[in-house]
Amino acid sequence: MSNDLSIYDTHAGNWWDGSQRFLRLLHNIVPARMRYFSTLVDWQDMSVLDLGCGGGFVSEAMARAGARVTGVDPAAHAIAAAQAHARQEGLAIDYRVGSGERVPLADERVPCVVCVHVLAHVASLDAVLAAVPRVLHPGALALSAPLTRTPPPRLPPPPSRAAVLDL
């Protein structure tokens, strides 16, 4: 299924103001996601890829928990909103325009990737599932949290292990 990025461009200016119902929902789910993820990950000084970061809700939560975050999303306006909000909050997050099909990171760059509400919307799930392991360290952790009740995606493990979680 192809993702219509125009909704993210249209509402990027409202990402953090609470005026859009779907964005409020995404924002309000973050604390629960982070509580669960934090039982699995020590965020302090962990390099993390937030794949499909949108305007940065999860990226900011991980950064506040001590992670060094790189956020990647194909919606340029959402990335601009994320960059502006992170600056305003004094958070050092490396936001990049890119896609899961062609992750703009070097090989074996991160020990953890987080995909929240993303994999059901990518243009090619097979391409994402092939690209993500390339950027993970051996033994990396992959965390996925779909918003819907669709079956959880299965990421092929990087050279040693990966955990995919359906929350």
Foldseek 3Di string as FASTA:
>chain_A
DAADLVVLLVCLVVLPVPPDPVSVVVLVCQVVVCVVVVVVDQLAAFEEEEAQCFLNSNVVVSQVSHHAYEYEHQNPSSLVNNVVVCVVVVTDHHYDYDHLLADPDAFQAGQEYEYEQPLVHHPDNVSSLVRVLRNHHQNGEYEYEHPDPDDFDDRPHRPHGYDYDYD
